[in-house]
Amino acid sequence: SNIREKGRYRVIDKVQVQLNEKDDTYEAEFANLGIKQVLVSPATIKA
């Protein structure tokens, strides 16, 4: 709700990324926040 209301918010969480082969995109999942399919740039994965 804070993210929605403020538009942008900083969190500390455990993040895991998967490759969506169908859409050719990297997608992040936030363990505690419970959100999935958050787009991640290839540059971030490379780093």
ModelCIF file with pLDDT and N, C-alpha, C, O atoms, coordinates in Angstrom:
data_MODEL
#
_entry.id   MODEL 
#
_entity.id                         1 
_entity.type                       polymer 
_entity.pdbx_number_of_molecules   1 
#
_entity_poly.entity_id                      1 
_entity_poly.type                           'polypeptide(L)' 
_entity_poly.nstd_linkage                   no 
_entity_poly.nstd_monomer                   no 
_entity_poly.pdbx_seq_one_letter_code       SNIREKGRYRVIDKVQVQLNEKDDTYEAEFANLGIKQVLVSPATIKA 
_entity_poly.pdbx_seq_one_letter_code_can   SNIREKGRYRVIDKVQVQLNEKDDTYEAEFANLGIKQVLVSPATIKA 
_entity_poly.pdbx_strand_id                 A 
#
loop_
_entity_poly_seq.entity_id 
_entity_poly_seq.num 
_entity_poly_seq.mon_id 
_entity_poly_seq.hetero 
1 1  SER n 
1 2  ASN n 
1 3  ILE n 
1 4  ARG n 
1 5  GLU n 
1 6  LYS n 
1 7  GLY n 
1 8  ARG n 
1 9  TYR n 
1 10 ARG n 
1 11 VAL n 
1 12 ILE n 
1 13 ASP n 
1 14 LYS n 
1 15 VAL n 
1 16 GLN n 
1 17 VAL n 
1 18 GLN n 
1 19 LEU n 
1 20 ASN n 
1 21 GLU n 
1 22 LYS n 
1 23 ASP n 
1 24 ASP n 
1 25 THR n 
1 26 TYR n 
1 27 GLU n 
1 28 ALA n 
1 29 GLU n 
1 30 PHE n 
1 31 ALA n 
1 32 ASN n 
1 33 LEU n 
1 34 GLY n 
1 35 ILE n 
1 36 LYS n 
1 37 GLN n 
1 38 VAL n 
1 39 LEU n 
1 40 VAL n 
1 41 SER n 
1 42 PRO n 
1 43 ALA n 
1 44 THR n 
1 45 ILE n 
1 46 LYS n 
1 47 ALA n 
#
_struct_asym.id          A 
_struct_asym.entity_id   1 
#
loop_
_ma_qa_metric.id 
_ma_qa_metric.mode 
_ma_qa_metric.name 
_ma_qa_metric.software_group_id 
_ma_qa_metric.type 
1 global pLDDT . pLDDT 
2 local  pLDDT . pLDDT 
#
_ma_qa_metric_global.metric_id      1 
_ma_qa_metric_global.metric_value   90.74 
_ma_qa_metric_global.model_id       1 
_ma_qa_metric_global.ordinal_id     1 
#
loop_
_ma_qa_metric_local.label_asym_id 
_ma_qa_metric_local.label_comp_id 
_ma_qa_metric_local.label_seq_id 
_ma_qa_metric_local.metric_id 
_ma_qa_metric_local.metric_value 
_ma_qa_metric_local.model_id 
_ma_qa_metric_local.ordinal_id 
A SER 1  2 93.00 1 1  
A ASN 2  2 90.00 1 2  
A ILE 3  2 91.00 1 3  
A ARG 4  2 91.00 1 4  
A GLU 5  2 92.00 1 5  
A LYS 6  2 91.00 1 6  
A GLY 7  2 89.00 1 7  
A ARG 8  2 90.00 1 8  
A TYR 9  2 93.00 1 9  
A ARG 10 2 93.00 1 10 
A VAL 11 2 94.00 1 11 
A ILE 12 2 93.00 1 12 
A ASP 13 2 92.00 1 13 
A LYS 14 2 90.00 1 14 
A VAL 15 2 92.00 1 15 
A GLN 16 2 91.00 1 16 
A VAL 17 2 91.00 1 17 
A GLN 18 2 90.00 1 18 
A LEU 19 2 90.00 1 19 
A ASN 20 2 89.00 1 20 
A GLU 21 2 88.00 1 21 
A LYS 22 2 88.00 1 22 
A ASP 23 2 88.00 1 23 
A ASP 24 2 91.00 1 24 
A THR 25 2 91.00 1 25 
A TYR 26 2 92.00 1 26 
A GLU 27 2 92.00 1 27 
A ALA 28 2 93.00 1 28 
A GLU 29 2 93.00 1 29 
A PHE 30 2 94.00 1 30 
A ALA 31 2 90.00 1 31 
A ASN 32 2 90.00 1 32 
A LEU 33 2 93.00 1 33 
A GLY 34 2 92.00 1 34 
A ILE 35 2 93.00 1 35 
A LYS 36 2 90.00 1 36 
A GLN 37 2 90.00 1 37 
A VAL 38 2 91.00 1 38 
A LEU 39 2 90.00 1 39 
A VAL 40 2 90.00 1 40 
A SER 41 2 89.00 1 41 
A PRO 42 2 91.00 1 42 
A ALA 43 2 90.00 1 43 
A THR 44 2 89.00 1 44 
A ILE 45 2 88.00 1 45 
A LYS 46 2 88.00 1 46 
A ALA 47 2 86.00 1 47 
#
loop_
_atom_site.group_PDB 
_atom_site.id 
_atom_site.type_symbol 
_atom_site.label_atom_id 
_atom_site.label_alt_id 
_atom_site.label_comp_id 
_atom_site.label_asym_id 
_atom_site.label_entity_id 
_atom_site.label_seq_id 
_atom_site.pdbx_PDB_ins_code 
_atom_site.Cartn_x 
_atom_site.Cartn_y 
_atom_site.Cartn_z 
_atom_site.occupancy 
_atom_site.B_iso_or_equiv 
_atom_site.pdbx_formal_charge 
_atom_site.auth_seq_id 
_atom_site.auth_comp_id 
_atom_site.auth_asym_id 
_atom_site.auth_atom_id 
_atom_site.pdbx_PDB_model_num 
ATOM 1   N N  . SER A 1 1  ? 0.828  -1.202  0.000   1.00 93.00 ? 1  SER A N  1 
ATOM 2   C CA . SER A 1 1  ? 0.000  0.000   0.000   1.00 93.00 ? 1  SER A CA 1 
ATOM 3   C C  . SER A 1 1  ? 0.864  1.254   0.000   1.00 93.00 ? 1  SER A C  1 
ATOM 4   O O  . SER A 1 1  ? 0.565  2.226   -0.694  1.00 93.00 ? 1  SER A O  1 
ATOM 5   N N  . ASN A 1 2  ? 1.956  1.223   0.797   1.00 90.00 ? 2  ASN A N  1 
ATOM 6   C CA . ASN A 1 2  ? 2.879  2.369   0.829   1.00 90.00 ? 2  ASN A CA 1 
ATOM 7   C C  . ASN A 1 2  ? 3.489  2.623   -0.544  1.00 90.00 ? 2  ASN A C  1 
ATOM 8   O O  . ASN A 1 2  ? 3.623  3.770   -0.972  1.00 90.00 ? 2  ASN A O  1 
ATOM 9   N N  . ILE A 1 3  ? 3.860  1.539   -1.232  1.00 91.00 ? 3  ILE A N  1 
ATOM 10  C CA . ILE A 1 3  ? 4.446  1.690   -2.568  1.00 91.00 ? 3  ILE A CA 1 
ATOM 11  C C  . ILE A 1 3  ? 3.429  2.339   -3.511  1.00 91.00 ? 3  ILE A C  1 
ATOM 12  O O  . ILE A 1 3  ? 3.763  3.232   -4.290  1.00 91.00 ? 3  ILE A O  1 
ATOM 13  N N  . ARG A 1 4  ? 2.174  1.866   -3.422  1.00 91.00 ? 4  ARG A N  1 
ATOM 14  C CA . ARG A 1 4  ? 1.132  2.407   -4.296  1.00 91.00 ? 4  ARG A CA 1 
ATOM 15  C C  . ARG A 1 4  ? 0.887  3.879   -4.012  1.00 91.00 ? 4  ARG A C  1 
ATOM 16  O O  . ARG A 1 4  ? 0.800  4.687   -4.937  1.00 91.00 ? 4  ARG A O  1 
ATOM 17  N N  . GLU A 1 5  ? 0.774  4.231   -2.736  1.00 92.00 ? 5  GLU A N  1 
ATOM 18  C CA . GLU A 1 5  ? 0.427  5.594   -2.365  1.00 92.00 ? 5  GLU A CA 1 
ATOM 19  C C  . GLU A 1 5  ? 1.575  6.571   -2.630  1.00 92.00 ? 5  GLU A C  1 
ATOM 20  O O  . GLU A 1 5  ? 1.340  7.710   -3.033  1.00 92.00 ? 5  GLU A O  1 
ATOM 21  N N  . LYS A 1 6  ? 2.795  6.136   -2.408  1.00 91.00 ? 6  LYS A N  1 
ATOM 22  C CA . LYS A 1 6  ? 3.943  7.035   -2.565  1.00 91.00 ? 6  LYS A CA 1 
ATOM 23  C C  . LYS A 1 6  ? 4.547  6.974   -3.963  1.00 91.00 ? 6  LYS A C  1 
ATOM 24  O O  . LYS A 1 6  ? 5.345  7.831   -4.344  1.00 91.00 ? 6  LYS A O  1 
ATOM 25  N N  . GLY A 1 7  ? 4.157  5.952   -4.723  1.00 89.00 ? 7  GLY A N  1 
ATOM 26  C CA . GLY A 1 7  ? 4.679  5.816   -6.073  1.00 89.00 ? 7  GLY A CA 1 
ATOM 27  C C  . GLY A 1 7  ? 6.021  5.110   -6.132  1.00 89.00 ? 7  GLY A C  1 
ATOM 28  O O  . GLY A 1 7  ? 6.313  4.417   -7.107  1.00 89.00 ? 7  GLY A O  1 
ATOM 29  N N  . ARG A 1 8  ? 6.833  5.273   -5.111  1.00 90.00 ? 8  ARG A N  1 
ATOM 30  C CA . ARG A 1 8  ? 8.168  4.651   -5.054  1.00 90.00 ? 8  ARG A CA 1 
ATOM 31  C C  . ARG A 1 8  ? 8.526  4.445   -3.588  1.00 90.00 ? 8  ARG A C  1 
ATOM 32  O O  . ARG A 1 8  ? 8.314  5.334   -2.763  1.00 90.00 ? 8  ARG A O  1 
ATOM 33  N N  . TYR A 1 9  ? 9.072  3.264   -3.262  1.00 93.00 ? 9  TYR A N  1 
ATOM 34  C CA . TYR A 1 9  ? 9.364  2.963   -1.853  1.00 93.00 ? 9  TYR A CA 1 
ATOM 35  C C  . TYR A 1 9  ? 10.543 1.997   -1.794  1.00 93.00 ? 9  TYR A C  1 
ATOM 36  O O  . TYR A 1 9  ? 10.695 1.133   -2.658  1.00 93.00 ? 9  TYR A O  1 
ATOM 37  N N  . ARG A 1 10 ? 11.377 2.156   -0.763  1.00 93.00 ? 10 ARG A N  1 
ATOM 38  C CA . ARG A 1 10 ? 12.561 1.297   -0.602  1.00 93.00 ? 10 ARG A CA 1 
ATOM 39  C C  . ARG A 1 10 ? 12.242 0.158   0.365   1.00 93.00 ? 10 ARG A C  1 
ATOM 40  O O  . ARG A 1 10 ? 11.635 0.375   1.414   1.00 93.00 ? 10 ARG A O  1 
ATOM 41  N N  . VAL A 1 11 ? 12.660 -1.062  0.001   1.00 94.00 ? 11 VAL A N  1 
ATOM 42  C CA . VAL A 1 11 ? 12.422 -2.225  0.850   1.00 94.00 ? 11 VAL A CA 1 
ATOM 43  C C  . VAL A 1 11 ? 13.710 -3.023  1.001   1.00 94.00 ? 11 VAL A C  1 
ATOM 44  O O  . VAL A 1 11 ? 14.606 -2.958  0.159   1.00 94.00 ? 11 VAL A O  1 
ATOM 45  N N  . ILE A 1 12 ? 13.781 -3.783  2.104   1.00 93.00 ? 12 ILE A N  1 
ATOM 46  C CA . ILE A 1 12 ? 14.852 -4.758  2.329   1.00 93.00 ? 12 ILE A CA 1 
ATOM 47  C C  . ILE A 1 12 ? 14.199 -6.127  2.313   1.00 93.00 ? 12 ILE A C  1 
ATOM 48  O O  . ILE A 1 12 ? 13.367 -6.433  3.168   1.00 93.00 ? 12 ILE A O  1 
ATOM 49  N N  . ASP A 1 13 ? 14.575 -6.955  1.340   1.00 92.00 ? 13 ASP A N  1 
ATOM 50  C CA . ASP A 1 13 ? 13.915 -8.246  1.171   1.00 92.00 ? 13 ASP A CA 1 
ATOM 51  C C  . ASP A 1 13 ? 14.870 -9.201  0.460   1.00 92.00 ? 13 ASP A C  1 
ATOM 52  O O  . ASP A 1 13 ? 15.894 -8.790  -0.085  1.00 92.00 ? 13 ASP A O  1 
ATOM 53  N N  . LYS A 1 14 ? 14.514 -10.482 0.480   1.00 90.00 ? 14 LYS A N  1 
ATOM 54  C CA . LYS A 1 14 ? 15.278 -11.486 -0.249  1.00 90.00 ? 14 LYS A CA 1 
ATOM 55  C C  . LYS A 1 14 ? 14.676 -11.632 -1.640  1.00 90.00 ? 14 LYS A C  1 
ATOM 56  O O  . LYS A 1 14 ? 13.480 -11.886 -1.785  1.00 90.00 ? 14 LYS A O  1 
ATOM 57  N N  . VAL A 1 15 ? 15.518 -11.470 -2.664  1.00 92.00 ? 15 VAL A N  1 
ATOM 58  C CA . VAL A 1 15 ? 15.048 -11.418 -4.049  1.00 92.00 ? 15 VAL A CA 1 
ATOM 59  C C  . VAL A 1 15 ? 15.636 -12.579 -4.840  1.00 92.00 ? 15 VAL A C  1 
ATOM 60  O O  . VAL A 1 15 ? 16.834 -12.853 -4.772  1.00 92.00 ? 15 VAL A O  1 
ATOM 61  N N  . GLN A 1 16 ? 14.769 -13.258 -5.593  1.00 91.00 ? 16 GLN A N  1 
ATOM 62  C CA . GLN A 1 16 ? 15.219 -14.305 -6.494  1.00 91.00 ? 16 GLN A CA 1 
ATOM 63  C C  . GLN A 1 16 ? 14.663 -14.016 -7.881  1.00 91.00 ? 16 GLN A C  1 
ATOM 64  O O  . GLN A 1 16 ? 13.514 -13.597 -8.023  1.00 91.00 ? 16 GLN A O  1 
ATOM 65  N N  . VAL A 1 17 ? 15.480 -14.241 -8.899  1.00 91.00 ? 17 VAL A N  1 
ATOM 66  C CA . VAL A 1 17 ? 15.088 -13.915 -10.275 1.00 91.00 ? 17 VAL A CA 1 
ATOM 67  C C  . VAL A 1 17 ? 15.014 -15.185 -11.104 1.00 91.00 ? 17 VAL A C  1 
ATOM 68  O O  . VAL A 1 17 ? 15.827 -16.095 -10.940 1.00 91.00 ? 17 VAL A O  1 
ATOM 69  N N  . GLN A 1 18 ? 14.034 -15.241 -11.992 1.00 90.00 ? 18 GLN A N  1 
ATOM 70  C CA . GLN A 1 18 ? 13.896 -16.346 -12.942 1.00 90.00 ? 18 GLN A CA 1 
ATOM 71  C C  . GLN A 1 18 ? 13.779 -15.793 -14.351 1.00 90.00 ? 18 GLN A C  1 
ATOM 72  O O  . GLN A 1 18 ? 13.299 -14.680 -14.564 1.00 90.00 ? 18 GLN A O  1 
ATOM 73  N N  . LEU A 1 19 ? 14.231 -16.597 -15.310 1.00 90.00 ? 19 LEU A N  1 
ATOM 74  C CA . LEU A 1 19 ? 14.086 -16.234 -16.720 1.00 90.00 ? 19 LEU A CA 1 
ATOM 75  C C  . LEU A 1 19 ? 12.753 -16.755 -17.235 1.00 90.00 ? 19 LEU A C  1 
ATOM 76  O O  . LEU A 1 19 ? 12.475 -17.952 -17.166 1.00 90.00 ? 19 LEU A O  1 
ATOM 77  N N  . ASN A 1 20 ? 11.933 -15.851 -17.749 1.00 89.00 ? 20 ASN A N  1 
ATOM 78  C CA . ASN A 1 20 ? 10.677 -16.229 -18.403 1.00 89.00 ? 20 ASN A CA 1 
ATOM 79  C C  . ASN A 1 20 ? 10.992 -16.442 -19.892 1.00 89.00 ? 20 ASN A C  1 
ATOM 80  O O  . ASN A 1 20 ? 11.050 -15.495 -20.676 1.00 89.00 ? 20 ASN A O  1 
ATOM 81  N N  . GLU A 1 21 ? 11.195 -17.726 -20.254 1.00 88.00 ? 21 GLU A N  1 
ATOM 82  C CA . GLU A 1 21 ? 11.601 -18.010 -21.638 1.00 88.00 ? 21 GLU A CA 1 
ATOM 83  C C  . GLU A 1 21 ? 10.526 -17.608 -22.643 1.00 88.00 ? 21 GLU A C  1 
ATOM 84  O O  . GLU A 1 21 ? 10.838 -17.230 -23.772 1.00 88.00 ? 21 GLU A O  1 
ATOM 85  N N  . LYS A 1 22 ? 9.261  -17.689 -22.232 1.00 88.00 ? 22 LYS A N  1 
ATOM 86  C CA . LYS A 1 22 ? 8.161  -17.387 -23.156 1.00 88.00 ? 22 LYS A CA 1 
ATOM 87  C C  . LYS A 1 22 ? 8.192  -15.930 -23.593 1.00 88.00 ? 22 LYS A C  1 
ATOM 88  O O  . LYS A 1 22 ? 8.013  -15.624 -24.771 1.00 88.00 ? 22 LYS A O  1 
ATOM 89  N N  . ASP A 1 23 ? 8.424  -15.020 -22.625 1.00 88.00 ? 23 ASP A N  1 
ATOM 90  C CA . ASP A 1 23 ? 8.453  -13.590 -22.942 1.00 88.00 ? 23 ASP A CA 1 
ATOM 91  C C  . ASP A 1 23 ? 9.868  -13.045 -23.091 1.00 88.00 ? 23 ASP A C  1 
ATOM 92  O O  . ASP A 1 23 ? 10.063 -11.875 -23.420 1.00 88.00 ? 23 ASP A O  1 
ATOM 93  N N  . ASP A 1 24 ? 10.872 -13.923 -22.842 1.00 91.00 ? 24 ASP A N  1 
ATOM 94  C CA . ASP A 1 24 ? 12.277 -13.514 -22.927 1.00 91.00 ? 24 ASP A CA 1 
ATOM 95  C C  . ASP A 1 24 ? 12.567 -12.344 -21.987 1.00 91.00 ? 24 ASP A C  1 
ATOM 96  O O  . ASP A 1 24 ? 13.177 -11.348 -22.375 1.00 91.00 ? 24 ASP A O  1 
ATOM 97  N N  . THR A 1 25 ? 12.113 -12.491 -20.747 1.00 91.00 ? 25 THR A N  1 
ATOM 98  C CA . THR A 1 25 ? 12.339 -11.445 -19.739 1.00 91.00 ? 25 THR A CA 1 
ATOM 99  C C  . THR A 1 25 ? 12.809 -12.088 -18.431 1.00 91.00 ? 25 THR A C  1 
ATOM 100 O O  . THR A 1 25 ? 12.513 -13.249 -18.148 1.00 91.00 ? 25 THR A O  1 
ATOM 101 N N  . TYR A 1 26 ? 13.550 -11.299 -17.639 1.00 92.00 ? 26 TYR A N  1 
ATOM 102 C CA . TYR A 1 26 ? 13.915 -11.714 -16.287 1.00 92.00 ? 26 TYR A CA 1 
ATOM 103 C C  . TYR A 1 26 ? 12.881 -11.157 -15.322 1.00 92.00 ? 26 TYR A C  1 
ATOM 104 O O  . TYR A 1 26 ? 12.507 -9.986  -15.400 1.00 92.00 ? 26 TYR A O  1 
ATOM 105 N N  . GLU A 1 27 ? 12.421 -12.014 -14.405 1.00 92.00 ? 27 GLU A N  1 
ATOM 106 C CA . GLU A 1 27 ? 11.369 -11.608 -13.479 1.00 92.00 ? 27 GLU A CA 1 
ATOM 107 C C  . GLU A 1 27 ? 11.787 -11.917 -12.048 1.00 92.00 ? 27 GLU A C  1 
ATOM 108 O O  . GLU A 1 27 ? 12.245 -13.017 -11.741 1.00 92.00 ? 27 GLU A O  1 
ATOM 109 N N  . ALA A 1 28 ? 11.620 -10.929 -11.185 1.00 93.00 ? 28 ALA A N  1 
ATOM 110 C CA . ALA A 1 28 ? 12.022 -11.064 -9.782  1.00 93.00 ? 28 ALA A CA 1 
ATOM 111 C C  . ALA A 1 28 ? 10.835 -11.441 -8.914  1.00 93.00 ? 28 ALA A C  1 
ATOM 112 O O  . ALA A 1 28 ? 9.693  -11.056 -9.163  1.00 93.00 ? 28 ALA A O  1 
ATOM 113 N N  . GLU A 1 29 ? 11.159 -12.219 -7.875  1.00 93.00 ? 29 GLU A N  1 
ATOM 114 C CA . GLU A 1 29 ? 10.173 -12.569 -6.859  1.00 93.00 ? 29 GLU A CA 1 
ATOM 115 C C  . GLU A 1 29 ? 10.716 -12.132 -5.506  1.00 93.00 ? 29 GLU A C  1 
ATOM 116 O O  . GLU A 1 29 ? 11.860 -12.436 -5.167  1.00 93.00 ? 29 GLU A O  1 
ATOM 117 N N  . PHE A 1 30 ? 9.898  -11.417 -4.725  1.00 94.00 ? 30 PHE A N  1 
ATOM 118 C CA . PHE A 1 30 ? 10.296 -10.896 -3.415  1.00 94.00 ? 30 PHE A CA 1 
ATOM 119 C C  . PHE A 1 30 ? 9.732  -11.816 -2.336  1.00 94.00 ? 30 PHE A C  1 
ATOM 120 O O  . PHE A 1 30 ? 8.517  -11.965 -2.208  1.00 94.00 ? 30 PHE A O  1 
ATOM 121 N N  . ALA A 1 31 ? 10.633 -12.435 -1.555  1.00 90.00 ? 31 ALA A N  1 
ATOM 122 C CA . ALA A 1 31 ? 10.243 -13.508 -0.642  1.00 90.00 ? 31 ALA A CA 1 
ATOM 123 C C  . ALA A 1 31 ? 9.218  -13.069 0.390   1.00 90.00 ? 31 ALA A C  1 
ATOM 124 O O  . ALA A 1 31 ? 8.193  -13.730 0.555   1.00 90.00 ? 31 ALA A O  1 
ATOM 125 N N  . ASN A 1 32 ? 9.469  -11.972 1.084   1.00 90.00 ? 32 ASN A N  1 
ATOM 126 C CA . ASN A 1 32 ? 8.568  -11.550 2.159   1.00 90.00 ? 32 ASN A CA 1 
ATOM 127 C C  . ASN A 1 32 ? 7.440  -10.667 1.643   1.00 90.00 ? 32 ASN A C  1 
ATOM 128 O O  . ASN A 1 32 ? 6.309  -10.751 2.121   1.00 90.00 ? 32 ASN A O  1 
ATOM 129 N N  . LEU A 1 33 ? 7.750  -9.822  0.669   1.00 93.00 ? 33 LEU A N  1 
ATOM 130 C CA . LEU A 1 33 ? 6.732  -8.922  0.135   1.00 93.00 ? 33 LEU A CA 1 
ATOM 131 C C  . LEU A 1 33 ? 5.670  -9.699  -0.641  1.00 93.00 ? 33 LEU A C  1 
ATOM 132 O O  . LEU A 1 33 ? 4.512  -9.287  -0.705  1.00 93.00 ? 33 LEU A O  1 
ATOM 133 N N  . GLY A 1 34 ? 6.073  -10.825 -1.231  1.00 92.00 ? 34 GLY A N  1 
ATOM 134 C CA . GLY A 1 34 ? 5.105  -11.683 -1.892  1.00 92.00 ? 34 GLY A CA 1 
ATOM 135 C C  . GLY A 1 34 ? 4.724  -11.258 -3.294  1.00 92.00 ? 34 GLY A C  1 
ATOM 136 O O  . GLY A 1 34 ? 3.737  -11.763 -3.828  1.00 92.00 ? 34 GLY A O  1 
ATOM 137 N N  . ILE A 1 35 ? 5.464  -10.351 -3.913  1.00 93.00 ? 35 ILE A N  1 
ATOM 138 C CA . ILE A 1 35 ? 5.150  -9.959  -5.294  1.00 93.00 ? 35 ILE A CA 1 
ATOM 139 C C  . ILE A 1 35 ? 6.051  -10.719 -6.259  1.00 93.00 ? 35 ILE A C  1 
ATOM 140 O O  . ILE A 1 35 ? 7.194  -11.041 -5.937  1.00 93.00 ? 35 ILE A O  1 
ATOM 141 N N  . LYS A 1 36 ? 5.520  -11.002 -7.454  1.00 90.00 ? 36 LYS A N  1 
ATOM 142 C CA . LYS A 1 36 ? 6.236  -11.792 -8.443  1.00 90.00 ? 36 LYS A CA 1 
ATOM 143 C C  . LYS A 1 36 ? 6.221  -11.085 -9.799  1.00 90.00 ? 36 LYS A C  1 
ATOM 144 O O  . LYS A 1 36 ? 5.527  -10.089 -10.001 1.00 90.00 ? 36 LYS A O  1 
ATOM 145 N N  . GLN A 1 37 ? 7.001  -11.631 -10.705 1.00 90.00 ? 37 GLN A N  1 
ATOM 146 C CA . GLN A 1 37 ? 7.027  -11.192 -12.103 1.00 90.00 ? 37 GLN A CA 1 
ATOM 147 C C  . GLN A 1 37 ? 7.407  -9.719  -12.259 1.00 90.00 ? 37 GLN A C  1 
ATOM 148 O O  . GLN A 1 37 ? 6.956  -9.041  -13.182 1.00 90.00 ? 37 GLN A O  1 
ATOM 149 N N  . VAL A 1 38 ? 8.249  -9.237  -11.335 1.00 91.00 ? 38 VAL A N  1 
ATOM 150 C CA . VAL A 1 38 ? 8.740  -7.864  -11.433 1.00 91.00 ? 38 VAL A CA 1 
ATOM 151 C C  . VAL A 1 38 ? 9.897  -7.849  -12.433 1.00 91.00 ? 38 VAL A C  1 
ATOM 152 O O  . VAL A 1 38 ? 10.870 -8.583  -12.260 1.00 91.00 ? 38 VAL A O  1 
ATOM 153 N N  . LEU A 1 39 ? 9.804  -7.035  -13.458 1.00 90.00 ? 39 LEU A N  1 
ATOM 154 C CA . LEU A 1 39 ? 10.802 -7.035  -14.527 1.00 90.00 ? 39 LEU A CA 1 
ATOM 155 C C  . LEU A 1 39 ? 12.169 -6.565  -14.025 1.00 90.00 ? 39 LEU A C  1 
ATOM 156 O O  . LEU A 1 39 ? 12.279 -5.598  -13.272 1.00 90.00 ? 39 LEU A O  1 
ATOM 157 N N  . VAL A 1 40 ? 13.204 -7.279  -14.467 1.00 90.00 ? 40 VAL A N  1 
ATOM 158 C CA . VAL A 1 40 ? 14.580 -6.957  -14.108 1.00 90.00 ? 40 VAL A CA 1 
ATOM 159 C C  . VAL A 1 40 ? 15.386 -6.848  -15.393 1.00 90.00 ? 40 VAL A C  1 
ATOM 160 O O  . VAL A 1 40 ? 15.242 -7.681  -16.288 1.00 90.00 ? 40 VAL A O  1 
ATOM 161 N N  . SER A 1 41 ? 16.223 -5.839  -15.491 1.00 89.00 ? 41 SER A N  1 
ATOM 162 C CA . SER A 1 41 ? 16.991 -5.638  -16.717 1.00 89.00 ? 41 SER A CA 1 
ATOM 163 C C  . SER A 1 41 ? 18.110 -6.671  -16.827 1.00 89.00 ? 41 SER A C  1 
ATOM 164 O O  . SER A 1 41 ? 18.647 -7.104  -15.807 1.00 89.00 ? 41 SER A O  1 
ATOM 165 N N  . PRO A 1 42 ? 18.470 -7.073  -18.047 1.00 91.00 ? 42 PRO A N  1 
ATOM 166 C CA . PRO A 1 42 ? 19.600 -7.998  -18.238 1.00 91.00 ? 42 PRO A CA 1 
ATOM 167 C C  . PRO A 1 42 ? 20.902 -7.465  -17.650 1.00 91.00 ? 42 PRO A C  1 
ATOM 168 O O  . PRO A 1 42 ? 21.735 -8.248  -17.194 1.00 91.00 ? 42 PRO A O  1 
ATOM 169 N N  . ALA A 1 43 ? 21.091 -6.147  -17.653 1.00 90.00 ? 43 ALA A N  1 
ATOM 170 C CA . ALA A 1 43 ? 22.316 -5.559  -17.094 1.00 90.00 ? 43 ALA A CA 1 
ATOM 171 C C  . ALA A 1 43 ? 22.428 -5.862  -15.600 1.00 90.00 ? 43 ALA A C  1 
ATOM 172 O O  . ALA A 1 43 ? 23.520 -6.119  -15.094 1.00 90.00 ? 43 ALA A O  1 
ATOM 173 N N  . THR A 1 44 ? 21.290 -5.831  -14.893 1.00 89.00 ? 44 THR A N  1 
ATOM 174 C CA . THR A 1 44 ? 21.288 -6.136  -13.460 1.00 89.00 ? 44 THR A CA 1 
ATOM 175 C C  . THR A 1 44 ? 21.683 -7.589  -13.234 1.00 89.00 ? 44 THR A C  1 
ATOM 176 O O  . THR A 1 44 ? 22.456 -7.882  -12.322 1.00 89.00 ? 44 THR A O  1 
ATOM 177 N N  . ILE A 1 45 ? 21.162 -8.503  -14.053 1.00 88.00 ? 45 ILE A N  1 
ATOM 178 C CA . ILE A 1 45 ? 21.497 -9.920  -13.919 1.00 88.00 ? 45 ILE A CA 1 
ATOM 179 C C  . ILE A 1 45 ? 22.972 -10.149 -14.215 1.00 88.00 ? 45 ILE A C  1 
ATOM 180 O O  . ILE A 1 45 ? 23.628 -10.953 -13.552 1.00 88.00 ? 45 ILE A O  1 
ATOM 181 N N  . LYS A 1 46 ? 23.486 -9.449  -15.202 1.00 88.00 ? 46 LYS A N  1 
ATOM 182 C CA . LYS A 1 46 ? 24.897 -9.598  -15.538 1.00 88.00 ? 46 LYS A CA 1 
ATOM 183 C C  . LYS A 1 46 ? 25.789 -9.139  -14.387 1.00 88.00 ? 46 LYS A C  1 
ATOM 184 O O  . LYS A 1 46 ? 26.838 -9.730  -14.128 1.00 88.00 ? 46 LYS A O  1 
ATOM 185 N N  . ALA A 1 47 ? 25.366 -8.083  -13.701 1.00 86.00 ? 47 ALA A N  1 
ATOM 186 C CA . ALA A 1 47 ? 26.143 -7.555  -12.571 1.00 86.00 ? 47 ALA A CA 1 
ATOM 187 C C  . ALA A 1 47 ? 25.996 -8.424  -11.330 1.00 86.00 ? 47 ALA A C  1 
ATOM 188 O O  . ALA A 1 47 ? 26.584 -8.122  -10.292 1.00 86.00 ? 47 ALA A O  1 
#
